[in-house]
């Protein structure tokens, strides 16, 4: 299945595929996130996961696909655009998809940037679960405000960009058939697509970006992921939660990624 995809920047630029987290449409990769990459000469690709944006939707609670299908979708984007290999930037669930794609199709991946995610290697154990104080907020009548309030507790102290999240939420609501369908991602995320020995990624440029205040995947997840991939670099963003690095932190992260992935 080909997801709805958008290509930004020069067609002959360095291919960078952005893979969103659970419930994310491509709208979450906004201009603040994509602009510095395009300015650096990258060809930036962002797409809608199933059950988001303009992609096909399934009834809430009954996804007609698996986690492996979500990984195949990312590969389908590259195939459709005739891109042999790309640098993958994955956040949360998207980081898991990026790891799977790199393990099972190493020839299609030039490097990984794994943000606010966790290792998919089942041998990595002993890392803590979500912060027990993290709980769903109240259901609000306004879908935009519901998205905003759902994101608020995931951000680190002083790192919640309310105006930015609200602008993204408005685009999400305008482009999505049924917001509830995106919860299907939680039913399929983590489906194994085969062996997941992250040591096999040795030699691939891998940067793990993790917030010190992530309440969903606490910092030990990022440390364990970096330890599981020989040669991986860990970038800890102080105060960041389970979120895309805020604008003030994104520039330095992009610089680190570019220097590592395309040196």
Protein backbone atom coordinates (compact mmCIF):
# COMPACT_ATOMS: atom_id res chain seq x y z
CA UNK A 1 0.00 0.00 0.00
CA UNK A 2 1.34 3.43 -0.92
CA UNK A 3 0.82 6.03 1.83
CA UNK A 4 0.04 9.62 0.86
CA UNK A 5 3.49 11.22 0.71
CA UNK A 6 4.92 14.70 0.29
CA UNK A 7 8.43 15.49 -0.92
CA UNK A 8 10.12 18.71 0.16
CA UNK A 9 13.36 20.18 -1.10
CA UNK A 10 15.41 19.35 -4.22
CA UNK A 11 14.73 16.05 -5.95
CA UNK A 12 18.47 15.44 -6.09
CA UNK A 13 19.01 16.22 -2.40
CA UNK A 14 20.00 13.75 0.33
CA UNK A 15 16.89 11.60 0.89
CA UNK A 16 15.53 11.82 4.44
CA UNK A 17 12.42 9.83 5.32
CA UNK A 18 10.50 11.09 8.36
CA UNK A 19 8.53 8.36 10.17
CA UNK A 20 6.03 9.60 12.73
CA UNK A 21 4.97 8.11 16.02
CA UNK A 22 1.71 6.40 16.86
CA UNK A 23 -1.36 8.46 15.77
CA UNK A 24 0.86 10.83 13.76
CA UNK A 25 -0.03 12.06 10.31
CA UNK A 26 2.62 13.85 8.29
CA UNK A 27 1.36 17.17 9.67
CA UNK A 28 3.42 16.69 12.83
CA UNK A 29 6.59 17.12 10.78
CA UNK A 30 5.95 20.84 10.40
CA UNK A 31 8.07 23.57 8.84
CA UNK A 32 10.04 23.96 12.06
CA UNK A 33 11.09 20.31 11.78
CA UNK A 34 11.57 20.08 8.02
CA UNK A 35 12.95 23.55 7.25
CA UNK A 36 16.49 23.05 8.61
CA UNK A 37 16.81 19.74 6.78
CA UNK A 38 15.67 21.24 3.47
CA UNK A 39 18.02 24.19 4.02
CA UNK A 40 20.88 21.72 4.46
CA UNK A 41 20.15 20.26 1.03
CA UNK A 42 18.05 17.26 1.99
CA UNK A 43 15.11 15.88 0.08
CA UNK A 44 12.65 15.46 2.94
CA UNK A 45 9.85 12.91 2.67
CA UNK A 46 6.89 12.90 5.06
CA UNK A 47 3.85 10.67 4.80
CA UNK A 48 0.57 9.70 6.46
CA UNK A 49 0.50 6.47 8.44
CA UNK A 50 -2.55 4.28 7.91
CA UNK A 51 -5.52 5.57 9.91
CA UNK A 52 -4.23 9.15 9.72
CA UNK A 53 -4.54 12.08 7.34
CA UNK A 54 -5.46 11.09 3.80
CA UNK A 55 -4.44 7.44 4.22
CA UNK A 56 -6.91 4.56 4.35
CA UNK A 57 -8.81 4.25 7.65
CA UNK A 58 -10.12 1.20 9.53
CA UNK A 59 -12.74 1.13 12.32
CA UNK A 60 -11.33 1.93 15.75
CA UNK A 61 -10.31 -1.30 17.44
CA UNK A 62 -10.23 -3.28 14.18
CA UNK A 63 -7.09 -2.45 12.19
CA UNK A 64 -6.86 -4.34 8.91
CA UNK A 65 -3.07 -4.34 9.04
CA UNK A 66 -0.13 -5.26 11.23
CA UNK A 67 2.93 -3.50 12.54
CA UNK A 68 4.89 -5.19 9.76
CA UNK A 69 2.59 -3.48 7.26
CA UNK A 70 3.50 -0.09 8.72
CA UNK A 71 7.15 -0.92 8.09
CA UNK A 72 6.32 -2.02 4.55
CA UNK A 73 4.58 1.32 4.00
CA UNK A 74 7.81 3.19 4.71
CA UNK A 75 9.60 1.04 2.16
CA UNK A 76 6.77 1.62 -0.34
CA UNK A 77 7.38 5.37 -0.12
CA UNK A 78 11.01 4.92 -1.18
CA UNK A 79 10.04 2.51 -3.95
CA UNK A 80 7.37 4.84 -5.33
CA UNK A 81 9.77 7.76 -5.52
CA UNK A 82 12.57 5.67 -6.99
CA UNK A 83 14.86 6.25 -4.01
CA UNK A 84 17.39 3.50 -3.48
CA UNK A 85 18.33 4.38 0.09
CA UNK A 86 17.51 7.12 2.61
CA UNK A 87 18.40 8.38 6.04
CA UNK A 88 15.50 7.51 8.36
CA UNK A 89 14.31 9.80 11.14
CA UNK A 90 11.83 7.98 13.37
CA UNK A 91 10.05 9.19 16.49
CA UNK A 92 8.60 6.79 19.09
CA UNK A 93 6.73 4.11 17.09
CA UNK A 94 8.42 5.55 14.01
CA UNK A 95 11.77 4.79 15.62
CA UNK A 96 10.75 1.16 15.91
CA UNK A 97 9.73 1.12 12.25
CA UNK A 98 13.07 2.66 11.32
CA UNK A 99 14.96 -0.01 13.26
CA UNK A 100 12.99 -2.80 11.55
CA UNK A 101 13.52 -1.34 8.11
CA UNK A 102 17.26 -1.02 8.71
CA UNK A 103 17.51 -4.60 9.99
CA UNK A 104 15.53 -6.24 7.21
CA UNK A 105 16.44 -3.95 4.30
CA UNK A 106 19.92 -2.64 5.17
CA UNK A 107 20.63 -1.70 1.58
CA UNK A 108 17.80 0.85 1.70
CA UNK A 109 19.08 2.75 4.74
CA UNK A 110 22.05 5.14 4.89
CA UNK A 111 21.64 6.04 8.55
CA UNK A 112 19.20 6.34 11.44
CA UNK A 113 18.09 9.12 13.75
CA UNK A 114 15.97 7.55 16.50
CA UNK A 115 14.04 10.02 18.64
CA UNK A 116 12.17 9.30 21.88
CA UNK A 117 11.97 5.61 21.15
CA UNK A 118 12.99 2.23 22.52
CA UNK A 119 15.00 -0.75 21.29
CA UNK A 120 13.03 -3.41 19.41
CA UNK A 121 15.60 -6.06 20.34
CA UNK A 122 13.72 -8.43 22.70
CA UNK A 123 16.95 -9.26 24.49
CA UNK A 124 17.11 -5.74 25.89
CA UNK A 125 15.34 -5.99 29.24
CA UNK A 126 15.18 -4.27 32.59
CA UNK A 127 14.25 -0.80 31.32
CA UNK A 128 11.49 1.06 33.18
CA UNK A 129 7.92 1.50 32.01
CA UNK A 130 6.06 4.80 31.58
CA UNK A 131 5.88 7.27 34.42
CA UNK A 132 2.92 6.07 36.53
CA UNK A 133 1.69 9.65 36.86
CA UNK A 134 1.14 9.82 33.09
CA UNK A 135 -2.56 9.35 32.45
CA UNK A 136 -4.97 10.27 29.65
CA UNK A 137 -6.55 13.67 30.02
CA UNK A 138 -10.27 14.33 29.95
CA UNK A 139 -12.19 13.95 26.70
CA UNK A 140 -12.87 17.39 25.30
CA UNK A 141 -15.59 18.32 22.84
CA UNK A 142 -13.16 20.30 20.68
CA UNK A 143 -10.93 17.82 18.82
CA UNK A 144 -8.14 20.36 18.43
CA UNK A 145 -8.04 21.00 22.15
CA UNK A 146 -8.18 17.26 22.81
CA UNK A 147 -4.98 16.81 20.80
CA UNK A 148 -3.31 19.74 22.52
CA UNK A 149 -4.15 18.46 25.99
CA UNK A 150 -3.07 14.92 25.11
CA UNK A 151 0.37 16.23 24.10
CA UNK A 152 0.83 18.56 27.08
CA UNK A 153 1.77 15.92 29.72
CA UNK A 154 4.19 14.21 27.33
CA UNK A 155 6.36 17.33 26.98
CA UNK A 156 9.18 18.08 29.35
CA UNK A 157 8.97 20.93 31.88
CA UNK A 158 8.97 24.21 30.02
CA UNK A 159 9.25 22.40 26.67
CA UNK A 160 5.59 22.35 25.63
CA UNK A 161 5.17 24.49 22.51
CA UNK A 162 1.46 25.16 22.82
CA UNK A 163 1.00 27.45 19.82
CA UNK A 164 2.96 25.08 17.59
CA UNK A 165 1.05 22.01 18.75
CA UNK A 166 -2.29 23.77 18.31
CA UNK A 167 -1.41 24.80 14.75
CA UNK A 168 -0.44 21.20 13.97
CA UNK A 169 -3.62 19.91 15.61
CA UNK A 170 -5.74 22.18 13.43
CA UNK A 171 -4.15 20.70 10.30
CA UNK A 172 -4.53 17.17 11.65
CA UNK A 173 -8.24 17.65 12.31
CA UNK A 174 -8.79 19.23 8.90
CA UNK A 175 -7.09 16.36 7.05
CA UNK A 176 -8.16 13.31 9.05
CA UNK A 177 -11.29 11.28 8.33
CA UNK A 178 -11.73 9.95 11.86
CA UNK A 179 -9.28 10.79 14.64
CA UNK A 180 -10.32 7.77 16.70
CA UNK A 181 -9.02 5.38 14.04
CA UNK A 182 -5.42 6.35 14.79
CA UNK A 183 -5.66 4.57 18.15
CA UNK A 184 -5.36 1.36 16.10
CA UNK A 185 -1.63 2.01 16.07
CA UNK A 186 -1.42 1.04 19.73
CA UNK A 187 -2.88 -2.37 18.85
CA UNK A 188 -0.23 -3.18 16.23
CA UNK A 189 2.86 -1.26 17.37
CA UNK A 190 5.64 -3.62 18.31
CA UNK A 191 4.53 -6.50 16.10
CA UNK A 192 7.68 -8.47 15.38
CA UNK A 193 8.72 -8.70 11.75
CA UNK A 194 11.44 -11.26 12.43
CA UNK A 195 14.82 -11.29 14.20
CA UNK A 196 15.72 -8.00 15.83
CA UNK A 197 19.39 -8.23 16.82
CA UNK A 198 20.39 -4.57 16.82
CA UNK A 199 24.06 -5.52 16.81
CA UNK A 200 23.50 -6.18 13.10
CA UNK A 201 23.37 -2.40 12.62
CA UNK A 202 27.07 -2.08 13.44
CA UNK A 203 28.72 0.28 10.96
CA UNK A 204 25.53 2.17 10.17
CA UNK A 205 25.55 5.80 11.34
CA UNK A 206 22.99 5.80 14.16
CA UNK A 207 22.11 8.74 16.40
CA UNK A 208 19.77 8.21 19.34
CA UNK A 209 18.08 11.42 20.49
CA UNK A 210 16.33 11.18 23.85
CA UNK A 211 14.91 13.60 26.35
CA UNK A 212 16.00 13.51 29.97
CA UNK A 213 12.36 14.01 31.02
CA UNK A 214 10.59 11.51 28.72
CA UNK A 215 7.64 10.12 30.71
CA UNK A 216 6.66 7.47 28.13
CA UNK A 217 10.07 5.97 27.39
CA UNK A 218 12.27 7.19 30.25
CA UNK A 219 15.88 7.97 29.46
CA UNK A 220 17.12 4.39 30.15
CA UNK A 221 15.31 3.40 26.94
CA UNK A 222 17.50 5.75 24.91
CA UNK A 223 20.64 4.62 26.70
CA UNK A 224 19.75 0.95 26.15
CA UNK A 225 19.10 1.59 22.45
CA UNK A 226 22.42 3.36 21.98
CA UNK A 227 24.20 0.56 23.85
CA UNK A 228 22.53 -2.11 21.68
CA UNK A 229 23.81 -0.64 18.41
CA UNK A 230 27.61 -0.77 18.16
CA UNK A 231 28.97 2.69 17.46
CA UNK A 232 25.68 4.52 18.00
CA UNK A 233 25.82 8.04 19.40
CA UNK A 234 23.46 9.13 22.18
CA UNK A 235 22.33 12.77 22.25
CA UNK A 236 20.50 13.60 25.48
CA UNK A 237 18.31 16.69 25.24
CA UNK A 238 17.99 18.05 28.76
CA UNK A 239 14.41 18.68 29.83
CA UNK A 240 12.84 17.22 26.70
CA UNK A 241 9.94 14.83 27.14
CA UNK A 242 8.27 12.39 24.76
CA UNK A 243 8.13 14.77 21.85
CA UNK A 244 9.92 16.04 18.79
CA UNK A 245 12.79 18.19 20.04
CA UNK A 246 11.38 21.70 20.56
CA UNK A 247 12.46 24.42 18.15
CA UNK A 248 15.22 25.68 20.45
CA UNK A 249 16.70 22.17 20.66
CA UNK A 250 16.05 21.01 17.09
CA UNK A 251 18.78 23.05 15.39
CA UNK A 252 21.64 21.51 17.40
CA UNK A 253 20.13 18.04 16.92
CA UNK A 254 19.95 18.54 13.16
CA UNK A 255 23.56 19.70 13.14
CA UNK A 256 24.66 16.61 15.04
CA UNK A 257 22.70 14.33 12.73
CA UNK A 258 24.02 15.91 9.57
CA UNK A 259 27.61 15.81 10.73
CA UNK A 260 27.27 12.13 11.60
CA UNK A 261 25.09 10.84 8.77
CA UNK A 262 26.63 12.66 5.82
CA UNK A 263 30.23 13.26 6.83
